[in-house]
Amino acid sequence: MTIADFIIIGGGIAGASAGYELCRHGKVILLEKENLPGYHTTGRSSAIFQKSYNRGDPLLNILVTASEDFLRRPPADFAARSLLTPRPLIYIAPPGQQDSLDNLRQKLGEIDITTDFISGQEITDVIPVLSPQYQDRALLEQGLADIDVGALHGGYLQGITARGGSIITNAGVTGLGRNNDRWQVTTKTGQFQAPVIINAAGAWVDRVAGLANIAPIGIRPLRRTVIMVTLPDDICPDSWPIVMDVSENYYFKPEGGKILMTPGDATLSPPCDAQPEEIDIAWAAHYLEQATRLKVSRIARRWAGLRNHVADGHPVAGFDAHAPGFFWLAGQGGFGIKTAPAMGRITASLITGGRLPQDITGRGLTRDRISVKRLR
């Protein structure tokens, strides 16, 4: 039996960021059921730092903004450089939906995000392959960036071990119960005890809770497909912006000399090793050809991941009222990478002090907006 102060179930970005922060307060054991942390959603993410995520959702804007300083200026022992590479974004809309661009600009302005309209040659200058039907007018947003997901996730994991924590792989949880004020976790690799359990198991959080007869929160794993398209040798997309449909149905962006494209699918799925469906791959290719003058003749890679949401699309962080010491950290959907620094600090602060970090409450976040109670 191995004893710790905190046991985290799940080694993706949620569990890793929480473990990094909790290591300041006690012994952490992170249990990962796969042979590599981040195998599922985190390892398949192509994250964008975007304060306007989900059409300017105010709660997510708070979490992204509260994560910005860490991502831009990580601690010296965490990463040697910024984890962000600037890349602007343009929203596009066909002629019949131009009013949607006006509405979006107004909504983003409400959370102090500045955008500008560009047209004609200005659009061609930033992305020369855009289809003529989208060149009349587009909405440009600065301040976005590509996130180095591997460096961020790896930095958290290295920080856990550097602070005396343990990361145990191939440790799928098979039993979970409370005994004498401690949680006992049974895995394929051994048994572990701690007074506090953090359930950060992504698509599997409800199944983990079920092992201890704890009511679910209604996690909804949604499959998202991505393709990587090889371009002709005479086209270099590295300086292009992110291009997003104004309804956020799809987006594409440069990635290592190729184009990363997602059709924006969100198909309900059981927790699994998600794989792309041919129909979604076809839609991704269709949208890219529709939005540009490119022809998709070669797909270099294709994959899928699960974006895990609860009913209101906001994250869950807090103790279960009916299970002492059982902490939920879930529902981080498609924004888990960009909000990880804030969510890691929130988790550690709620567990060790029962309150949110002061700078985050100062931005307007309250505990009830991310609590488990709101879902039951």
Protein backbone atom coordinates (compact mmCIF):
# COMPACT_ATOMS: atom_id res chain seq x y z
CA MET A 1 0.00 0.00 0.00
CA THR A 2 1.46 3.35 -1.09
CA ILE A 3 0.26 6.39 0.86
CA ALA A 4 0.11 9.99 -0.37
CA ASP A 5 -1.63 13.26 0.41
CA PHE A 6 -3.27 13.52 -3.00
CA ILE A 7 -4.01 10.88 -5.62
CA ILE A 8 -4.84 12.10 -9.10
CA ILE A 9 -6.61 9.75 -11.50
CA GLY A 10 -5.75 10.75 -15.06
CA GLY A 11 -2.51 12.04 -16.54
CA GLY A 12 -3.83 14.40 -19.21
CA ILE A 13 -3.46 18.17 -19.02
CA ALA A 14 -6.08 18.48 -16.26
CA GLY A 15 -4.47 15.97 -13.92
CA ALA A 16 -0.93 17.07 -14.76
CA SER A 17 -1.58 20.78 -14.09
CA ALA A 18 -3.36 19.96 -10.83
CA GLY A 19 -0.53 17.69 -9.73
CA TYR A 20 2.07 20.34 -10.50
CA GLU A 21 0.31 22.83 -8.23
CA LEU A 22 -0.58 20.34 -5.47
CA CYS A 23 3.04 19.17 -5.18
CA ARG A 24 3.67 22.41 -3.30
CA HIS A 25 1.35 21.18 -0.55
CA GLY A 26 2.08 17.48 -0.14
CA LYS A 27 2.89 14.14 -1.68
CA VAL A 28 1.20 13.58 -5.06
CA ILE A 29 0.67 10.31 -6.89
CA LEU A 30 -0.66 10.56 -10.42
CA LEU A 31 -2.21 7.38 -11.83
CA GLU A 32 -2.46 6.96 -15.60
CA LYS A 33 -4.22 3.95 -17.12
CA GLU A 34 -2.27 4.09 -20.40
CA ASN A 35 1.45 3.54 -20.81
CA LEU A 36 1.92 7.24 -21.57
CA PRO A 37 0.22 10.23 -19.90
CA GLY A 38 -1.84 12.32 -22.29
CA TYR A 39 -2.44 9.47 -24.73
CA HIS A 40 -6.05 10.42 -25.38
CA THR A 41 -7.38 14.00 -25.63
CA THR A 42 -4.27 15.94 -24.57
CA GLY A 43 -1.94 14.12 -26.92
CA ARG A 44 -4.29 14.71 -29.86
CA SER A 45 -4.88 18.41 -29.29
CA SER A 46 -3.71 21.22 -31.53
CA ALA A 47 -4.35 23.98 -29.10
CA ILE A 48 -4.89 27.65 -29.83
CA PHE A 49 -4.54 30.38 -27.22
CA GLN A 50 -7.75 32.33 -27.78
CA LYS A 51 -9.43 34.68 -25.32
CA SER A 52 -12.50 34.78 -27.55
CA TYR A 53 -13.01 31.00 -27.44
CA ASN A 54 -16.57 29.76 -27.97
CA ARG A 55 -17.76 33.08 -29.38
CA GLY A 56 -16.52 35.07 -26.42
CA ASP A 57 -17.90 32.94 -23.59
CA PRO A 58 -17.27 35.20 -20.54
CA LEU A 59 -16.43 32.39 -18.09
CA LEU A 60 -13.93 30.79 -20.46
CA ASN A 61 -12.48 34.22 -21.19
CA ILE A 62 -11.71 34.57 -17.47
CA LEU A 63 -9.90 31.23 -17.38
CA VAL A 64 -7.91 31.84 -20.56
CA THR A 65 -6.93 35.34 -19.48
CA ALA A 66 -5.86 34.03 -16.06
CA SER A 67 -3.64 31.48 -17.83
CA GLU A 68 -1.94 33.94 -20.16
CA ASP A 69 0.97 35.07 -18.01
CA PHE A 70 2.08 31.48 -17.28
CA LEU A 71 1.90 30.53 -20.95
CA ARG A 72 3.76 33.61 -22.14
CA ARG A 73 6.33 33.67 -19.34
CA PRO A 74 6.59 30.21 -17.77
CA PRO A 75 8.87 29.72 -14.74
CA ALA A 76 12.53 29.32 -15.71
CA ASP A 77 12.61 25.74 -14.40
CA PHE A 78 9.45 24.88 -16.36
CA ALA A 79 10.34 25.99 -19.89
CA ALA A 80 13.17 28.03 -21.39
CA ARG A 81 10.88 30.12 -23.58
CA SER A 82 7.30 31.19 -24.12
CA LEU A 83 4.87 28.36 -24.80
CA LEU A 84 3.03 30.54 -27.31
CA THR A 85 3.80 31.38 -30.95
CA PRO A 86 1.71 34.34 -32.18
CA ARG A 87 -0.76 33.61 -34.98
CA PRO A 88 -3.72 35.89 -35.82
CA LEU A 89 -7.18 34.60 -36.71
CA ILE A 90 -9.63 35.66 -39.38
CA TYR A 91 -13.34 34.82 -39.28
CA ILE A 92 -14.93 34.29 -42.66
CA ALA A 93 -18.55 34.28 -43.81
CA PRO A 94 -20.19 33.92 -47.24
CA PRO A 95 -22.00 36.96 -48.68
CA GLY A 96 -25.37 35.97 -47.22
CA GLN A 97 -24.00 35.76 -43.68
CA GLN A 98 -22.02 38.97 -43.40
CA ASP A 99 -24.26 40.19 -40.57
CA SER A 100 -22.88 37.32 -38.50
CA LEU A 101 -19.47 38.98 -38.61
CA ASP A 102 -20.98 42.21 -37.27
CA ASN A 103 -22.76 40.35 -34.49
CA LEU A 104 -19.59 38.49 -33.53
CA ARG A 105 -17.55 41.68 -33.45
CA GLN A 106 -20.08 43.27 -31.10
CA LYS A 107 -20.09 40.23 -28.82
CA LEU A 108 -16.30 40.08 -28.62
CA GLY A 109 -16.18 43.79 -27.88
CA GLU A 110 -18.26 43.13 -24.76
CA ILE A 111 -15.31 41.23 -23.29
CA ASP A 112 -12.77 43.83 -24.50
CA ILE A 113 -11.47 41.86 -27.48
CA THR A 114 -10.51 44.18 -30.32
CA THR A 115 -11.19 43.08 -33.89
CA ASP A 116 -10.94 44.80 -37.26
CA PHE A 117 -12.58 44.24 -40.60
CA ILE A 118 -10.30 43.57 -43.55
CA SER A 119 -11.26 43.21 -47.17
CA GLY A 120 -10.05 42.60 -50.69
CA GLN A 121 -6.28 42.83 -51.04
CA GLU A 122 -5.80 42.85 -47.26
CA ILE A 123 -7.34 39.37 -47.09
CA THR A 124 -5.29 38.15 -50.04
CA ASP A 125 -2.11 39.45 -48.40
CA VAL A 126 -2.63 37.35 -45.25
CA ILE A 127 -3.97 34.22 -46.96
CA PRO A 128 -3.65 34.16 -50.74
CA VAL A 129 -5.53 30.87 -51.27
CA LEU A 130 -8.83 31.97 -49.75
CA SER A 131 -11.83 31.40 -51.98
CA PRO A 132 -13.15 34.56 -53.76
CA GLN A 133 -16.55 34.24 -52.04
CA TYR A 134 -14.86 35.05 -48.72
CA GLN A 135 -12.70 37.95 -49.91
CA ASP A 136 -15.26 40.76 -49.66
CA ARG A 137 -14.84 41.10 -45.92
CA ALA A 138 -13.37 39.16 -43.00
CA LEU A 139 -12.94 39.84 -39.30
CA LEU A 140 -9.35 39.90 -38.03
CA GLU A 141 -8.48 39.14 -34.40
CA GLN A 142 -4.96 39.56 -33.04
CA GLY A 143 -3.53 38.21 -29.79
CA LEU A 144 -3.99 34.51 -30.59
CA ALA A 145 -1.18 31.98 -30.63
CA ASP A 146 -0.31 28.35 -31.20
CA ILE A 147 0.34 26.54 -27.91
CA ASP A 148 3.25 24.12 -27.56
CA VAL A 149 1.11 21.36 -26.05
CA GLY A 150 3.98 18.90 -25.64
CA ALA A 151 6.14 21.40 -23.77
CA LEU A 152 3.26 22.48 -21.52
CA HIS A 153 2.14 18.96 -20.63
CA GLY A 154 5.72 17.72 -20.31
CA GLY A 155 6.64 20.65 -18.08
CA TYR A 156 3.83 19.81 -15.70
CA LEU A 157 4.83 16.15 -15.53
CA GLN A 158 8.51 16.96 -14.99
CA GLY A 159 7.53 19.45 -12.31
CA ILE A 160 5.58 16.78 -10.44
CA THR A 161 8.55 14.40 -10.29
CA ALA A 162 11.00 17.22 -9.52
CA ARG A 163 8.89 18.10 -6.46
CA GLY A 164 8.85 14.54 -5.20
CA GLY A 165 5.64 13.33 -6.76
CA SER A 166 5.16 10.01 -8.55
CA ILE A 167 3.68 9.29 -11.97
CA ILE A 168 2.56 5.69 -12.38
CA THR A 169 1.50 4.45 -15.80
CA ASN A 170 -0.44 1.32 -16.77
CA ALA A 171 -2.39 1.96 -13.59
CA GLY A 172 -6.03 1.74 -14.65
CA VAL A 173 -8.31 2.00 -11.61
CA THR A 174 -10.25 -1.17 -10.87
CA GLY A 175 -11.47 -0.38 -7.36
CA LEU A 176 -12.19 2.77 -5.35
CA GLY A 177 -13.52 3.11 -1.83
CA ARG A 178 -13.19 5.10 1.39
CA ASN A 179 -11.86 3.55 4.58
CA ASN A 180 -10.98 5.35 7.83
CA ASP A 181 -10.97 8.82 6.27
CA ARG A 182 -8.77 7.70 3.40
CA TRP A 183 -9.55 6.77 -0.15
CA GLN A 184 -8.17 3.45 -1.26
CA VAL A 185 -7.47 3.03 -4.97
CA THR A 186 -6.87 -0.39 -6.48
CA THR A 187 -5.07 -0.56 -9.81
CA LYS A 188 -3.36 -3.16 -11.97
CA THR A 189 -0.03 -2.07 -10.52
CA GLY A 190 -0.90 -1.88 -6.83
CA GLN A 191 -2.94 -0.14 -4.17
CA PHE A 192 -2.76 3.48 -3.05
CA GLN A 193 -4.25 5.55 -0.25
CA ALA A 194 -4.83 9.27 0.27
CA PRO A 195 -7.37 11.48 2.05
CA VAL A 196 -8.04 13.33 -1.22
CA ILE A 197 -8.78 11.89 -4.65
CA ILE A 198 -8.82 14.11 -7.76
CA ASN A 199 -10.93 12.56 -10.51
CA ALA A 200 -9.34 13.93 -13.70
CA ALA A 201 -10.02 10.90 -15.88
CA GLY A 202 -11.43 12.81 -18.86
CA ALA A 203 -14.05 10.80 -20.73
CA TRP A 204 -13.94 8.20 -17.95
CA VAL A 205 -14.73 10.45 -14.95
CA ASP A 206 -18.26 9.11 -14.48
CA ARG A 207 -17.01 5.53 -14.67
CA VAL A 208 -14.36 6.25 -12.05
CA ALA A 209 -16.98 7.81 -9.78
CA GLY A 210 -19.22 4.79 -10.32
CA LEU A 211 -16.58 2.52 -8.79
CA ALA A 212 -17.31 4.28 -5.49
CA ASN A 213 -21.08 4.55 -6.07
CA ILE A 214 -20.80 8.32 -6.53
CA ALA A 215 -23.46 9.92 -8.72
CA PRO A 216 -22.26 10.93 -12.21
CA ILE A 217 -22.04 14.47 -13.51
CA GLY A 218 -23.23 13.55 -17.00
CA ILE A 219 -19.96 13.79 -18.88
CA ARG A 220 -20.47 13.85 -22.66
CA PRO A 221 -17.44 12.73 -24.70
CA LEU A 222 -17.72 14.31 -28.15
CA ARG A 223 -15.57 13.04 -31.00
CA ARG A 224 -13.62 15.64 -32.96
CA THR A 225 -11.81 14.80 -36.22
CA VAL A 226 -8.62 16.36 -37.56
CA ILE A 227 -6.81 15.91 -40.85
CA MET A 228 -3.36 17.11 -41.89
CA VAL A 229 -3.23 18.06 -45.57
CA THR A 230 -0.06 18.07 -47.65
CA LEU A 231 0.26 21.12 -49.92
CA PRO A 232 2.00 21.57 -53.29
CA ASP A 233 5.71 22.30 -53.03
CA ASP A 234 5.28 25.90 -54.18
CA ILE A 235 2.89 26.80 -51.35
CA CYS A 236 4.28 27.66 -47.90
CA PRO A 237 1.51 28.32 -45.35
CA ASP A 238 3.67 28.99 -42.29
CA SER A 239 2.78 32.70 -42.04
CA TRP A 240 -0.93 32.23 -42.68
CA PRO A 241 -3.46 32.98 -39.94
CA ILE A 242 -5.96 30.62 -38.40
CA VAL A 243 -9.11 30.70 -40.54
CA MET A 244 -12.43 30.04 -38.81
CA ASP A 245 -15.96 29.89 -40.13
CA VAL A 246 -17.96 32.62 -38.37
CA SER A 247 -20.28 29.97 -36.91
CA GLU A 248 -17.19 28.08 -35.64
CA ASN A 249 -18.28 24.99 -37.57
CA TYR A 250 -14.76 24.44 -38.86
CA TYR A 251 -11.30 25.96 -38.82
CA PHE A 252 -7.91 25.37 -40.39
CA LYS A 253 -4.39 26.59 -39.70
CA PRO A 254 -0.78 26.00 -40.73
CA GLU A 255 1.05 23.22 -38.93
CA GLY A 256 4.59 22.20 -39.86
CA GLY A 257 4.30 23.19 -43.51
CA LYS A 258 0.93 21.50 -43.90
CA ILE A 259 -2.65 22.49 -43.18
CA LEU A 260 -4.41 21.21 -40.09
CA MET A 261 -8.16 21.10 -40.67
CA THR A 262 -11.10 20.09 -38.51
CA PRO A 263 -14.72 19.94 -39.67
CA GLY A 264 -15.87 20.86 -36.16
CA ASP A 265 -17.70 17.57 -35.60
CA ALA A 266 -18.99 16.83 -32.12
CA THR A 267 -20.37 13.29 -32.20
CA LEU A 268 -21.40 11.76 -28.89
CA SER A 269 -19.18 8.77 -28.13
CA PRO A 270 -18.56 6.30 -25.33
CA PRO A 271 -15.18 6.69 -23.59
CA CYS A 272 -12.73 5.03 -25.98
CA ASP A 273 -9.60 5.30 -28.05
CA ALA A 274 -11.33 7.57 -30.57
CA GLN A 275 -10.77 6.98 -34.27
CA PRO A 276 -11.88 9.18 -37.19
CA GLU A 277 -14.86 8.22 -39.31
CA GLU A 278 -14.57 8.41 -43.10
CA ILE A 279 -17.58 10.72 -43.37
CA ASP A 280 -15.96 13.27 -41.06
CA ILE A 281 -12.68 13.07 -42.95
CA ALA A 282 -14.65 13.76 -46.14
CA TRP A 283 -16.37 16.77 -44.57
CA ALA A 284 -13.02 18.16 -43.46
CA ALA A 285 -11.67 17.94 -47.00
CA HIS A 286 -14.89 19.43 -48.39
CA TYR A 287 -14.82 22.46 -46.07
CA LEU A 288 -11.17 23.16 -46.88
CA GLU A 289 -11.82 23.01 -50.62
CA GLN A 290 -14.91 25.19 -50.20
CA ALA A 291 -13.05 27.86 -48.21
CA THR A 292 -9.93 27.94 -50.38
CA ARG A 293 -8.69 27.33 -53.88
CA LEU A 294 -6.81 24.26 -52.64
CA LYS A 295 -7.56 20.70 -53.74
CA VAL A 296 -7.15 18.00 -51.12
CA SER A 297 -5.19 15.36 -52.99
CA ARG A 298 -3.16 13.95 -50.12
CA ILE A 299 -4.01 13.60 -46.43
CA ALA A 300 -0.79 13.04 -44.51
CA ARG A 301 -2.48 12.19 -41.18
CA ARG A 302 -5.94 11.78 -39.74
CA TRP A 303 -7.00 11.32 -36.15
CA ALA A 304 -9.77 11.93 -33.65
CA GLY A 305 -10.01 12.81 -29.99
CA LEU A 306 -12.73 13.23 -27.39
CA ARG A 307 -13.72 16.67 -26.11
CA ASN A 308 -15.44 16.08 -22.79
CA HIS A 309 -18.26 18.42 -21.81
CA VAL A 310 -21.00 18.64 -19.20
CA ALA A 311 -24.44 20.08 -19.90
CA ASP A 312 -23.55 23.78 -19.76
CA GLY A 313 -20.17 23.48 -21.51
CA HIS A 314 -18.23 24.85 -18.54
CA PRO A 315 -15.58 23.08 -16.44
CA VAL A 316 -16.21 21.23 -13.21
CA ALA A 317 -13.88 21.73 -10.25
CA GLY A 318 -14.86 20.99 -6.67
CA PHE A 319 -15.50 18.44 -3.95
CA ASP A 320 -18.49 16.16 -4.19
CA ALA A 321 -20.93 17.09 -1.41
CA HIS A 322 -21.80 13.43 -0.81
CA ALA A 323 -18.30 11.94 -0.92
CA PRO A 324 -15.78 13.58 1.45
CA GLY A 325 -12.36 14.04 -0.11
CA PHE A 326 -13.56 13.23 -3.65
CA PHE A 327 -12.68 16.13 -5.97
CA TRP A 328 -14.04 16.43 -9.52
CA LEU A 329 -11.82 17.98 -12.20
CA ALA A 330 -13.65 17.47 -15.47
CA GLY A 331 -15.55 18.86 -18.43
CA GLN A 332 -12.71 20.91 -19.94
CA GLY A 333 -13.92 20.23 -23.46
CA GLY A 334 -11.92 21.90 -26.21
CA PHE A 335 -10.42 24.51 -23.88
CA GLY A 336 -8.45 22.36 -21.43
CA ILE A 337 -5.01 23.23 -22.79
CA LYS A 338 -5.50 27.00 -22.96
CA THR A 339 -6.99 27.12 -19.44
CA ALA A 340 -4.69 24.58 -17.75
CA PRO A 341 -2.59 27.06 -15.75
CA ALA A 342 -5.72 28.64 -14.25
CA MET A 343 -7.49 25.33 -13.63
CA GLY A 344 -4.41 23.83 -11.98
CA ARG A 345 -4.21 26.75 -9.56
CA ILE A 346 -7.96 26.69 -8.95
CA THR A 347 -7.82 22.99 -8.08
CA ALA A 348 -4.95 23.38 -5.62
CA SER A 349 -6.52 26.44 -4.02
CA LEU A 350 -9.94 24.81 -3.55
CA ILE A 351 -8.43 21.63 -2.11
CA THR A 352 -5.96 23.25 0.28
CA GLY A 353 -7.76 26.45 1.21
CA GLY A 354 -11.39 26.07 0.18
CA ARG A 355 -11.36 29.16 -2.00
CA LEU A 356 -10.48 30.35 -5.48
CA PRO A 357 -7.20 32.22 -6.12
CA GLN A 358 -7.68 35.90 -5.42
CA ASP A 359 -6.68 37.07 -8.88
CA ILE A 360 -9.30 34.78 -10.44
CA THR A 361 -12.13 35.92 -8.17
CA GLY A 362 -11.03 39.44 -9.03
CA ARG A 363 -11.83 38.67 -12.65
CA GLY A 364 -15.38 37.71 -11.69
CA LEU A 365 -15.34 33.92 -11.28
CA THR A 366 -17.30 32.43 -8.39
CA ARG A 367 -17.19 28.85 -7.08
CA ASP A 368 -20.81 28.10 -7.91
CA ARG A 369 -20.14 28.59 -11.65
CA ILE A 370 -17.76 25.62 -11.75
CA SER A 371 -19.15 23.53 -8.89
CA VAL A 372 -20.50 19.98 -9.04
CA LYS A 373 -23.71 21.13 -7.32
CA ARG A 374 -24.92 23.04 -10.40
CA LEU A 375 -25.19 19.76 -12.33
CA ARG A 376 -27.43 17.91 -9.86
